[in-house]
Amino acid sequence: MVEQSIFDVTDGDTRDFDSATVHLVADLGGVAGGTVRIYPLDEAGLWKGDRLAVARPFRKMILGKQLVRTAVRTAGELGGREMVATVQIPNIPFFERLGWRIEGAPSTEYELPHQKMRIVLSQSDPERDTRGR
């Protein structure tokens, strides 16, 4: 938040205190290396992922990819069918490599260009092949 200077004081909002919001934190030996939050948008299984952040010392690792994959998997396990995110334009290729697709035209959020993206979530199913397919 401080690095990007998007928010004046805090990026906290009502979603942070909503019991449906899931906060994922990458704990690297007692150090918070990154975070992302996810939450349902409706009863039909649409989830949103936002506030993805990876601390500078950990950006050369695959931490961002692991956080996004964990967010997608977790939302699916919680009954989600699709997830949306609004990502900064330079991050589009990163999300595309992880299976996300662009939706609609770019928009401006927090005075920066963003792109809405979407991914289909796989449902948790005990009958499903567990070999990672």
C-alpha atoms as a PDB file:
ATOM      1  CA  MET A   1       0.000   0.000   0.000  1.00  0.00           C
ATOM      2  CA  VAL A   2       2.770   2.431   0.919  1.00  0.00           C
ATOM      3  CA  GLU A   3       4.853   1.505  -2.129  1.00  0.00           C
ATOM      4  CA  GLN A   4       2.065   2.169  -4.633  1.00  0.00           C
ATOM      5  CA  SER A   5       0.756   5.294  -2.849  1.00  0.00           C
ATOM      6  CA  ILE A   6      -2.799   4.543  -3.931  1.00  0.00           C
ATOM      7  CA  PHE A   7      -4.421   5.009  -0.517  1.00  0.00           C
ATOM      8  CA  ASP A   8      -3.769   7.913   1.826  1.00  0.00           C
ATOM      9  CA  VAL A   9      -3.910   6.102   5.158  1.00  0.00           C
ATOM     10  CA  THR A  10      -5.107   2.514   4.755  1.00  0.00           C
ATOM     11  CA  ASP A  11      -6.479   0.154   2.142  1.00  0.00           C
ATOM     12  CA  GLY A  12      -8.833  -1.348   4.723  1.00  0.00           C
ATOM     13  CA  ASP A  13     -12.529  -1.424   3.941  1.00  0.00           C
ATOM     14  CA  THR A  14     -15.720  -3.182   5.054  1.00  0.00           C
ATOM     15  CA  ARG A  15     -14.694  -6.371   3.199  1.00  0.00           C
ATOM     16  CA  ASP A  16     -11.819  -6.804   5.639  1.00  0.00           C
ATOM     17  CA  PHE A  17     -14.309  -7.280   8.473  1.00  0.00           C
ATOM     18  CA  ASP A  18     -16.909  -9.321   6.592  1.00  0.00           C
ATOM     19  CA  SER A  19     -17.030 -12.890   7.920  1.00  0.00           C
ATOM     20  CA  ALA A  20     -17.317 -14.207   4.335  1.00  0.00           C
ATOM     21  CA  THR A  21     -13.940 -12.717   3.372  1.00  0.00           C
ATOM     22  CA  VAL A  22     -11.020 -15.137   3.350  1.00  0.00           C
ATOM     23  CA  HIS A  23      -7.602 -13.587   3.959  1.00  0.00           C
ATOM     24  CA  LEU A  24      -4.711 -15.658   2.624  1.00  0.00           C
ATOM     25  CA  VAL A  25      -1.212 -14.875   3.880  1.00  0.00           C
ATOM     26  CA  ALA A  26       2.020 -16.461   2.676  1.00  0.00           C
ATOM     27  CA  ASP A  27       3.968 -17.165   5.855  1.00  0.00           C
ATOM     28  CA  LEU A  28       7.663 -17.505   5.079  1.00  0.00           C
ATOM     29  CA  GLY A  29       9.280 -18.514   8.320  1.00  0.00           C
ATOM     30  CA  GLY A  30       7.275 -16.063  10.389  1.00  0.00           C
ATOM     31  CA  VAL A  31       7.445 -13.278   7.803  1.00  0.00           C
ATOM     32  CA  ALA A  32       4.360 -12.278   5.806  1.00  0.00           C
ATOM     33  CA  GLY A  33       5.689 -12.518   2.256  1.00  0.00           C
ATOM     34  CA  GLY A  34       2.411 -11.808   0.523  1.00  0.00           C
ATOM     35  CA  THR A  35      -1.344 -11.736   0.801  1.00  0.00           C
ATOM     36  CA  VAL A  36      -4.581 -11.829  -1.149  1.00  0.00           C
ATOM     37  CA  ARG A  37      -8.205 -11.749  -0.085  1.00  0.00           C
ATOM     38  CA  ILE A  38     -11.180 -13.484  -1.646  1.00  0.00           C
ATOM     39  CA  TYR A  39     -14.915 -13.228  -1.030  1.00  0.00           C
ATOM     40  CA  PRO A  40     -18.207 -14.291  -2.578  1.00  0.00           C
ATOM     41  CA  LEU A  41     -20.105 -11.720  -4.614  1.00  0.00           C
ATOM     42  CA  ASP A  42     -23.354 -13.640  -4.945  1.00  0.00           C
ATOM     43  CA  GLU A  43     -25.170 -16.858  -4.080  1.00  0.00           C
ATOM     44  CA  ALA A  44     -24.568 -18.290  -7.577  1.00  0.00           C
ATOM     45  CA  GLY A  45     -20.862 -18.888  -6.905  1.00  0.00           C
ATOM     46  CA  LEU A  46     -19.190 -15.730  -8.226  1.00  0.00           C
ATOM     47  CA  TRP A  47     -16.155 -14.803  -6.122  1.00  0.00           C
ATOM     48  CA  LYS A  48     -13.773 -11.866  -6.229  1.00  0.00           C
ATOM     49  CA  GLY A  49     -10.055 -11.853  -5.574  1.00  0.00           C
ATOM     50  CA  ASP A  50      -8.344  -8.613  -4.706  1.00  0.00           C
ATOM     51  CA  ARG A  51      -5.578  -6.861  -2.821  1.00  0.00           C
ATOM     52  CA  LEU A  52      -2.900  -9.266  -4.060  1.00  0.00           C
ATOM     53  CA  ALA A  53       0.409  -8.070  -2.663  1.00  0.00           C
ATOM     54  CA  VAL A  54       3.877  -9.604  -2.524  1.00  0.00           C
ATOM     55  CA  ALA A  55       6.620  -7.965  -0.474  1.00  0.00           C
ATOM     56  CA  ARG A  56       9.521  -6.731  -2.583  1.00  0.00           C
ATOM     57  CA  PRO A  57      12.107  -9.216  -1.215  1.00  0.00           C
ATOM     58  CA  PHE A  58       9.889 -12.123  -2.352  1.00  0.00           C
ATOM     59  CA  ARG A  59       8.913 -10.989  -5.850  1.00  0.00           C
ATOM     60  CA  LYS A  60      11.557 -13.026  -7.666  1.00  0.00           C
ATOM     61  CA  MET A  61      10.086 -16.179  -6.132  1.00  0.00           C
ATOM     62  CA  ILE A  62       6.902 -17.866  -7.333  1.00  0.00           C
ATOM     63  CA  LEU A  63       4.996 -16.481  -4.371  1.00  0.00           C
ATOM     64  CA  GLY A  64       2.524 -14.410  -6.407  1.00  0.00           C
ATOM     65  CA  LYS A  65       1.659 -17.415  -8.547  1.00  0.00           C
ATOM     66  CA  GLN A  66       1.183 -19.572  -5.447  1.00  0.00           C
ATOM     67  CA  LEU A  67      -1.078 -16.983  -3.816  1.00  0.00           C
ATOM     68  CA  VAL A  68      -3.282 -16.671  -6.916  1.00  0.00           C
ATOM     69  CA  ARG A  69      -3.498 -20.447  -7.348  1.00  0.00           C
ATOM     70  CA  THR A  70      -4.353 -20.873  -3.663  1.00  0.00           C
ATOM     71  CA  ALA A  71      -7.037 -18.188  -3.928  1.00  0.00           C
ATOM     72  CA  VAL A  72      -8.578 -19.887  -6.966  1.00  0.00           C
ATOM     73  CA  ARG A  73      -8.447 -23.332  -5.362  1.00  0.00           C
ATOM     74  CA  THR A  74      -9.871 -22.081  -2.065  1.00  0.00           C
ATOM     75  CA  ALA A  75     -12.797 -20.268  -3.694  1.00  0.00           C
ATOM     76  CA  GLY A  76     -13.583 -23.433  -5.669  1.00  0.00           C
ATOM     77  CA  GLU A  77     -13.443 -25.558  -2.538  1.00  0.00           C
ATOM     78  CA  LEU A  78     -15.864 -23.130  -0.877  1.00  0.00           C
ATOM     79  CA  GLY A  79     -18.408 -23.618  -3.662  1.00  0.00           C
ATOM     80  CA  GLY A  80     -17.317 -20.900  -6.058  1.00  0.00           C
ATOM     81  CA  ARG A  81     -17.882 -21.392  -9.779  1.00  0.00           C
ATOM     82  CA  GLU A  82     -16.064 -18.348 -11.163  1.00  0.00           C
ATOM     83  CA  MET A  83     -13.774 -15.652  -9.837  1.00  0.00           C
ATOM     84  CA  VAL A  84     -13.224 -12.121 -11.049  1.00  0.00           C
ATOM     85  CA  ALA A  85     -10.407  -9.726 -10.327  1.00  0.00           C
ATOM     86  CA  THR A  86      -9.563  -6.243 -11.500  1.00  0.00           C
ATOM     87  CA  VAL A  87      -5.838  -6.182 -12.157  1.00  0.00           C
ATOM     88  CA  GLN A  88      -3.391  -3.458 -13.053  1.00  0.00           C
ATOM     89  CA  ILE A  89      -2.679  -3.492 -16.799  1.00  0.00           C
ATOM     90  CA  PRO A  90       1.003  -4.548 -16.492  1.00  0.00           C
ATOM     91  CA  ASN A  91      -0.136  -7.675 -14.593  1.00  0.00           C
ATOM     92  CA  ILE A  92      -2.426  -8.996 -17.351  1.00  0.00           C
ATOM     93  CA  PRO A  93       0.180 -11.426 -18.811  1.00  0.00           C
ATOM     94  CA  PHE A  94       0.852 -12.858 -15.335  1.00  0.00           C
ATOM     95  CA  PHE A  95      -2.840 -13.644 -14.853  1.00  0.00           C
ATOM     96  CA  GLU A  96      -3.262 -14.952 -18.408  1.00  0.00           C
ATOM     97  CA  ARG A  97      -0.451 -17.466 -17.776  1.00  0.00           C
ATOM     98  CA  LEU A  98      -2.470 -18.688 -14.796  1.00  0.00           C
ATOM     99  CA  GLY A  99      -5.589 -19.279 -16.895  1.00  0.00           C
ATOM    100  CA  TRP A 100      -7.465 -16.009 -16.405  1.00  0.00           C
ATOM    101  CA  ARG A 101      -9.146 -14.300 -19.364  1.00  0.00           C
ATOM    102  CA  ILE A 102      -9.774 -10.635 -20.084  1.00  0.00           C
ATOM    103  CA  GLU A 103     -13.344  -9.446 -19.763  1.00  0.00           C
ATOM    104  CA  GLY A 104     -14.552  -6.153 -21.181  1.00  0.00           C
ATOM    105  CA  ALA A 105     -12.658  -2.937 -21.669  1.00  0.00           C
ATOM    106  CA  PRO A 106     -10.035  -1.502 -19.333  1.00  0.00           C
ATOM    107  CA  SER A 107     -11.221   0.854 -16.606  1.00  0.00           C
ATOM    108  CA  THR A 108      -9.655   3.311 -14.213  1.00  0.00           C
ATOM    109  CA  GLU A 109      -9.509   2.350 -10.555  1.00  0.00           C
ATOM    110  CA  TYR A 110      -7.668   4.386  -7.952  1.00  0.00           C
ATOM    111  CA  GLU A 111      -6.459   6.606 -10.828  1.00  0.00           C
ATOM    112  CA  LEU A 112      -4.647   3.659 -12.472  1.00  0.00           C
ATOM    113  CA  PRO A 113      -5.621   1.623 -15.556  1.00  0.00           C
ATOM    114  CA  HIS A 114      -7.063  -1.779 -14.627  1.00  0.00           C
ATOM    115  CA  GLN A 115      -8.546  -4.728 -16.495  1.00  0.00           C
ATOM    116  CA  LYS A 116     -11.340  -6.996 -15.304  1.00  0.00           C
ATOM    117  CA  MET A 117     -10.380 -10.657 -15.617  1.00  0.00           C
ATOM    118  CA  ARG A 118     -12.228 -13.908 -14.956  1.00  0.00           C
ATOM    119  CA  ILE A 119     -11.419 -17.561 -14.320  1.00  0.00           C
ATOM    120  CA  VAL A 120     -13.604 -20.648 -14.014  1.00  0.00           C
ATOM    121  CA  LEU A 121     -13.102 -22.393 -10.671  1.00  0.00           C
ATOM    122  CA  SER A 122     -12.947 -26.141 -10.258  1.00  0.00           C
ATOM    123  CA  GLN A 123     -15.270 -27.472  -7.609  1.00  0.00           C
ATOM    124  CA  SER A 124     -13.920 -29.596  -4.799  1.00  0.00           C
ATOM    125  CA  ASP A 125     -15.159 -33.110  -5.507  1.00  0.00           C
ATOM    126  CA  PRO A 126     -14.033 -36.240  -3.671  1.00  0.00           C
ATOM    127  CA  GLU A 127     -14.707 -38.271  -6.850  1.00  0.00           C
ATOM    128  CA  ARG A 128     -12.338 -36.069  -8.847  1.00  0.00           C
ATOM    129  CA  ASP A 129      -8.954 -37.305 -10.013  1.00  0.00           C
ATOM    130  CA  THR A 130      -6.444 -36.252  -7.348  1.00  0.00           C
ATOM    131  CA  ARG A 131      -3.375 -36.366  -9.610  1.00  0.00           C
ATOM    132  CA  GLY A 132      -3.600 -32.621 -10.290  1.00  0.00           C
ATOM    133  CA  ARG A 133      -5.561 -32.691 -13.534  1.00  0.00           C
END
